[in-house]
């Protein structure tokens, strides 16, 4: 099934490593790693900023499935939050996907999205563009496509069912 509704961290990790190793997306001689933190927010404290942390908020297309009623739904507004920094020759990316609640069950349980490999690659390429700009001083070559390259609109976004909206984390396509 190409429309996976399951959250698969290994898809993100494998794609991240492949883009670094095979495609040389961040070919500056530094070691970069991807980790997950399911509680991080988009707030960067003054102290974290001093230590080099930056935030990139990405909006992607994902699919969800409710474990209670098995309802599935697509969303073109899945928020994925990246926090990244380069210290010395070590780069760190910490990622958090945000979930959505089932409209039918309304149980305040947020399900994590499933993503296609194409969506994962697009999100990581956009992230790498931000890293090249903010950590290495390169030009940001694709500023116009920051919300993902394919605009697929589903039903109107229901902020009351979106974990990111409820937390006040909104992707405005800025840095």
C-alpha atoms as a PDB file:
ATOM      1  CA  UNK A   1       0.000   0.000   0.000  1.00  0.00           C
ATOM      2  CA  UNK A   2       1.665   3.216  -1.131  1.00  0.00           C
ATOM      3  CA  UNK A   3      -0.431   5.378   1.207  1.00  0.00           C
ATOM      4  CA  UNK A   4       1.108   4.198   4.450  1.00  0.00           C
ATOM      5  CA  UNK A   5      -0.734   5.316   7.572  1.00  0.00           C
ATOM      6  CA  UNK A   6       1.951   3.978   9.884  1.00  0.00           C
ATOM      7  CA  UNK A   7       4.637   6.155  11.515  1.00  0.00           C
ATOM      8  CA  UNK A   8       7.951   4.611  10.413  1.00  0.00           C
ATOM      9  CA  UNK A   9      11.004   6.311  11.975  1.00  0.00           C
ATOM     10  CA  UNK A  10      13.358   4.015  10.023  1.00  0.00           C
ATOM     11  CA  UNK A  11      12.082   5.506   6.743  1.00  0.00           C
ATOM     12  CA  UNK A  12      13.270   8.927   7.932  1.00  0.00           C
ATOM     13  CA  UNK A  13      16.586   7.576   9.271  1.00  0.00           C
ATOM     14  CA  UNK A  14      17.357   5.550   6.146  1.00  0.00           C
ATOM     15  CA  UNK A  15      16.449   8.404   3.796  1.00  0.00           C
ATOM     16  CA  UNK A  16      18.503  10.853   5.899  1.00  0.00           C
ATOM     17  CA  UNK A  17      21.566   8.565   5.725  1.00  0.00           C
ATOM     18  CA  UNK A  18      21.070   7.869   2.030  1.00  0.00           C
ATOM     19  CA  UNK A  19      20.871  11.575   1.170  1.00  0.00           C
ATOM     20  CA  UNK A  20      24.015  12.246   3.196  1.00  0.00           C
ATOM     21  CA  UNK A  21      26.051   9.275   1.981  1.00  0.00           C
ATOM     22  CA  UNK A  22      24.939   8.657  -1.591  1.00  0.00           C
ATOM     23  CA  UNK A  23      23.750  12.088  -2.674  1.00  0.00           C
ATOM     24  CA  UNK A  24      26.276  14.176  -0.681  1.00  0.00           C
ATOM     25  CA  UNK A  25      23.588  16.650   0.351  1.00  0.00           C
ATOM     26  CA  UNK A  26      25.743  18.045   3.178  1.00  0.00           C
ATOM     27  CA  UNK A  27      29.203  17.408   1.777  1.00  0.00           C
ATOM     28  CA  UNK A  28      31.211  19.592   4.155  1.00  0.00           C
ATOM     29  CA  UNK A  29      33.137  16.872   5.993  1.00  0.00           C
ATOM     30  CA  UNK A  30      30.945  17.025   9.115  1.00  0.00           C
ATOM     31  CA  UNK A  31      29.066  14.131  10.734  1.00  0.00           C
ATOM     32  CA  UNK A  32      25.285  14.616  10.865  1.00  0.00           C
ATOM     33  CA  UNK A  33      22.815  12.520  12.832  1.00  0.00           C
ATOM     34  CA  UNK A  34      19.012  12.385  13.018  1.00  0.00           C
ATOM     35  CA  UNK A  35      17.184  11.734  16.282  1.00  0.00           C
ATOM     36  CA  UNK A  36      13.552  11.901  17.380  1.00  0.00           C
ATOM     37  CA  UNK A  37      12.019  13.775  20.299  1.00  0.00           C
ATOM     38  CA  UNK A  38       8.254  13.517  20.599  1.00  0.00           C
ATOM     39  CA  UNK A  39       7.949  16.337  23.153  1.00  0.00           C
ATOM     40  CA  UNK A  40      10.006  19.159  21.613  1.00  0.00           C
ATOM     41  CA  UNK A  41       8.393  22.455  20.752  1.00  0.00           C
ATOM     42  CA  UNK A  42       9.282  25.219  18.313  1.00  0.00           C
ATOM     43  CA  UNK A  43      10.522  27.478  21.126  1.00  0.00           C
ATOM     44  CA  UNK A  44      14.269  28.041  21.191  1.00  0.00           C
ATOM     45  CA  UNK A  45      15.487  29.609  24.412  1.00  0.00           C
ATOM     46  CA  UNK A  46      18.170  32.278  24.461  1.00  0.00           C
ATOM     47  CA  UNK A  47      20.568  29.698  25.931  1.00  0.00           C
ATOM     48  CA  UNK A  48      19.764  27.161  23.189  1.00  0.00           C
ATOM     49  CA  UNK A  49      20.226  29.840  20.544  1.00  0.00           C
ATOM     50  CA  UNK A  50      23.666  30.624  22.004  1.00  0.00           C
ATOM     51  CA  UNK A  51      24.487  26.929  21.653  1.00  0.00           C
ATOM     52  CA  UNK A  52      23.561  27.134  17.966  1.00  0.00           C
ATOM     53  CA  UNK A  53      20.104  25.551  17.839  1.00  0.00           C
ATOM     54  CA  UNK A  54      17.790  26.559  15.014  1.00  0.00           C
ATOM     55  CA  UNK A  55      14.261  25.423  14.163  1.00  0.00           C
ATOM     56  CA  UNK A  56      12.667  24.560  10.854  1.00  0.00           C
ATOM     57  CA  UNK A  57       8.949  23.796  10.661  1.00  0.00           C
ATOM     58  CA  UNK A  58       7.823  21.825   7.612  1.00  0.00           C
ATOM     59  CA  UNK A  59       4.318  21.094   6.361  1.00  0.00           C
ATOM     60  CA  UNK A  60       3.949  17.769   4.585  1.00  0.00           C
ATOM     61  CA  UNK A  61       1.362  15.386   3.166  1.00  0.00           C
ATOM     62  CA  UNK A  62       0.664  12.388   5.384  1.00  0.00           C
ATOM     63  CA  UNK A  63      -1.898   9.720   6.117  1.00  0.00           C
ATOM     64  CA  UNK A  64      -3.454   8.694   9.406  1.00  0.00           C
ATOM     65  CA  UNK A  65      -5.349   5.729  10.794  1.00  0.00           C
ATOM     66  CA  UNK A  66      -7.326   5.652  14.027  1.00  0.00           C
ATOM     67  CA  UNK A  67      -6.496   2.538  16.063  1.00  0.00           C
ATOM     68  CA  UNK A  68      -9.938   2.621  17.720  1.00  0.00           C
ATOM     69  CA  UNK A  69     -12.271   2.739  14.702  1.00  0.00           C
ATOM     70  CA  UNK A  70      -9.772   2.091  11.842  1.00  0.00           C
ATOM     71  CA  UNK A  71     -10.876   5.258  10.011  1.00  0.00           C
ATOM     72  CA  UNK A  72      -8.135   6.547   7.699  1.00  0.00           C
ATOM     73  CA  UNK A  73      -7.689  10.082   6.416  1.00  0.00           C
ATOM     74  CA  UNK A  74      -5.125  12.083   4.459  1.00  0.00           C
ATOM     75  CA  UNK A  75      -3.826  15.495   5.458  1.00  0.00           C
ATOM     76  CA  UNK A  76      -1.841  17.995   3.449  1.00  0.00           C
ATOM     77  CA  UNK A  77      -1.013  19.894   6.641  1.00  0.00           C
ATOM     78  CA  UNK A  78       1.028  17.515   8.737  1.00  0.00           C
ATOM     79  CA  UNK A  79       3.532  19.483  10.794  1.00  0.00           C
ATOM     80  CA  UNK A  80       7.063  18.119  11.107  1.00  0.00           C
ATOM     81  CA  UNK A  81       9.375  20.093  13.359  1.00  0.00           C
ATOM     82  CA  UNK A  82      13.156  19.965  12.967  1.00  0.00           C
ATOM     83  CA  UNK A  83      15.637  21.388  15.467  1.00  0.00           C
ATOM     84  CA  UNK A  84      19.239  21.412  14.254  1.00  0.00           C
ATOM     85  CA  UNK A  85      22.715  22.681  15.006  1.00  0.00           C
ATOM     86  CA  UNK A  86      26.335  22.260  13.984  1.00  0.00           C
ATOM     87  CA  UNK A  87      28.958  22.191  16.748  1.00  0.00           C
ATOM     88  CA  UNK A  88      32.504  21.643  15.629  1.00  0.00           C
ATOM     89  CA  UNK A  89      32.316  18.853  13.077  1.00  0.00           C
ATOM     90  CA  UNK A  90      29.137  17.281  14.469  1.00  0.00           C
ATOM     91  CA  UNK A  91      25.688  18.170  13.236  1.00  0.00           C
ATOM     92  CA  UNK A  92      22.548  17.132  15.063  1.00  0.00           C
ATOM     93  CA  UNK A  93      18.976  17.106  13.818  1.00  0.00           C
ATOM     94  CA  UNK A  94      16.124  16.394  16.221  1.00  0.00           C
ATOM     95  CA  UNK A  95      12.773  15.740  14.589  1.00  0.00           C
ATOM     96  CA  UNK A  96       9.206  15.641  15.844  1.00  0.00           C
ATOM     97  CA  UNK A  97       6.161  14.701  13.786  1.00  0.00           C
ATOM     98  CA  UNK A  98       2.863  16.038  15.070  1.00  0.00           C
ATOM     99  CA  UNK A  99      -0.265  13.947  15.141  1.00  0.00           C
ATOM    100  CA  UNK A 100      -3.936  14.419  14.477  1.00  0.00           C
ATOM    101  CA  UNK A 101      -6.969  13.116  16.352  1.00  0.00           C
ATOM    102  CA  UNK A 102      -9.796  11.130  14.785  1.00  0.00           C
ATOM    103  CA  UNK A 103     -12.878  13.213  14.017  1.00  0.00           C
ATOM    104  CA  UNK A 104     -15.115  10.193  14.576  1.00  0.00           C
ATOM    105  CA  UNK A 105     -13.714   9.110  17.976  1.00  0.00           C
ATOM    106  CA  UNK A 106     -12.837  12.550  19.399  1.00  0.00           C
ATOM    107  CA  UNK A 107     -10.804  10.878  22.133  1.00  0.00           C
ATOM    108  CA  UNK A 108      -7.974  13.441  22.262  1.00  0.00           C
ATOM    109  CA  UNK A 109      -5.503  10.752  21.207  1.00  0.00           C
ATOM    110  CA  UNK A 110      -3.124  12.032  18.548  1.00  0.00           C
ATOM    111  CA  UNK A 111      -2.081   9.509  15.936  1.00  0.00           C
ATOM    112  CA  UNK A 112       1.282   9.941  14.232  1.00  0.00           C
ATOM    113  CA  UNK A 113       1.218  10.111  10.439  1.00  0.00           C
ATOM    114  CA  UNK A 114       2.527   7.781   7.806  1.00  0.00           C
ATOM    115  CA  UNK A 115       4.501   9.309   4.953  1.00  0.00           C
ATOM    116  CA  UNK A 116       5.486   8.186   1.478  1.00  0.00           C
ATOM    117  CA  UNK A 117       9.195   7.926   0.735  1.00  0.00           C
ATOM    118  CA  UNK A 118       8.821  10.808  -1.753  1.00  0.00           C
ATOM    119  CA  UNK A 119       7.375  13.115   0.938  1.00  0.00           C
ATOM    120  CA  UNK A 120      10.146  12.127   3.366  1.00  0.00           C
ATOM    121  CA  UNK A 121      12.822  12.867   0.776  1.00  0.00           C
ATOM    122  CA  UNK A 122      11.261  16.253  -0.091  1.00  0.00           C
ATOM    123  CA  UNK A 123      11.100  17.235   3.594  1.00  0.00           C
ATOM    124  CA  UNK A 124      14.716  16.243   4.227  1.00  0.00           C
ATOM    125  CA  UNK A 125      15.983  17.997   1.091  1.00  0.00           C
ATOM    126  CA  UNK A 126      14.229  21.165   2.267  1.00  0.00           C
ATOM    127  CA  UNK A 127      15.792  20.724   5.712  1.00  0.00           C
ATOM    128  CA  UNK A 128      19.237  20.255   4.160  1.00  0.00           C
ATOM    129  CA  UNK A 129      18.729  23.457   2.191  1.00  0.00           C
ATOM    130  CA  UNK A 130      18.043  25.278   5.498  1.00  0.00           C
ATOM    131  CA  UNK A 131      21.112  23.659   7.089  1.00  0.00           C
ATOM    132  CA  UNK A 132      23.331  24.682   4.167  1.00  0.00           C
ATOM    133  CA  UNK A 133      22.028  28.242   4.453  1.00  0.00           C
ATOM    134  CA  UNK A 134      22.099  28.609   8.251  1.00  0.00           C
ATOM    135  CA  UNK A 135      25.118  26.469   9.182  1.00  0.00           C
ATOM    136  CA  UNK A 136      27.365  26.882   6.142  1.00  0.00           C
ATOM    137  CA  UNK A 137      26.296  30.252   4.708  1.00  0.00           C
ATOM    138  CA  UNK A 138      25.148  28.856   1.358  1.00  0.00           C
ATOM    139  CA  UNK A 139      22.355  30.471  -0.604  1.00  0.00           C
ATOM    140  CA  UNK A 140      18.886  29.059   0.016  1.00  0.00           C
ATOM    141  CA  UNK A 141      18.177  27.943  -3.524  1.00  0.00           C
ATOM    142  CA  UNK A 142      14.508  26.978  -3.289  1.00  0.00           C
ATOM    143  CA  UNK A 143      12.842  29.476  -0.986  1.00  0.00           C
ATOM    144  CA  UNK A 144       9.623  29.499  -2.998  1.00  0.00           C
ATOM    145  CA  UNK A 145       8.803  25.827  -2.473  1.00  0.00           C
ATOM    146  CA  UNK A 146       8.973  25.754   1.299  1.00  0.00           C
ATOM    147  CA  UNK A 147       5.569  24.161   1.842  1.00  0.00           C
ATOM    148  CA  UNK A 148       6.472  21.063  -0.157  1.00  0.00           C
ATOM    149  CA  UNK A 149       6.607  20.908  -3.899  1.00  0.00           C
ATOM    150  CA  UNK A 150       3.188  19.425  -4.530  1.00  0.00           C
ATOM    151  CA  UNK A 151       0.186  21.259  -3.210  1.00  0.00           C
ATOM    152  CA  UNK A 152      -2.450  18.669  -2.462  1.00  0.00           C
ATOM    153  CA  UNK A 153      -5.413  20.102  -0.630  1.00  0.00           C
ATOM    154  CA  UNK A 154      -7.707  17.837   1.265  1.00  0.00           C
ATOM    155  CA  UNK A 155     -10.763  18.840   3.263  1.00  0.00           C
ATOM    156  CA  UNK A 156     -10.400  22.013   5.333  1.00  0.00           C
ATOM    157  CA  UNK A 157      -7.856  21.680   8.111  1.00  0.00           C
ATOM    158  CA  UNK A 158      -9.510  21.082  11.476  1.00  0.00           C
ATOM    159  CA  UNK A 159      -7.340  22.906  13.969  1.00  0.00           C
ATOM    160  CA  UNK A 160      -9.192  21.346  16.911  1.00  0.00           C
ATOM    161  CA  UNK A 161      -7.965  17.879  15.825  1.00  0.00           C
ATOM    162  CA  UNK A 162      -4.385  18.936  15.032  1.00  0.00           C
ATOM    163  CA  UNK A 163      -1.769  18.497  17.757  1.00  0.00           C
ATOM    164  CA  UNK A 164       0.476  21.230  16.316  1.00  0.00           C
ATOM    165  CA  UNK A 165      -2.385  23.755  16.095  1.00  0.00           C
ATOM    166  CA  UNK A 166      -3.470  23.022  19.664  1.00  0.00           C
ATOM    167  CA  UNK A 167       0.123  23.616  20.831  1.00  0.00           C
ATOM    168  CA  UNK A 168       0.322  26.866  18.854  1.00  0.00           C
ATOM    169  CA  UNK A 169       2.999  25.527  16.510  1.00  0.00           C
ATOM    170  CA  UNK A 170       2.052  26.785  13.106  1.00  0.00           C
ATOM    171  CA  UNK A 171       4.083  26.389   9.936  1.00  0.00           C
ATOM    172  CA  UNK A 172       4.311  29.797   8.340  1.00  0.00           C
ATOM    173  CA  UNK A 173       7.112  28.665   6.055  1.00  0.00           C
ATOM    174  CA  UNK A 174       9.635  30.956   7.687  1.00  0.00           C
ATOM    175  CA  UNK A 175      12.966  30.063   9.260  1.00  0.00           C
END
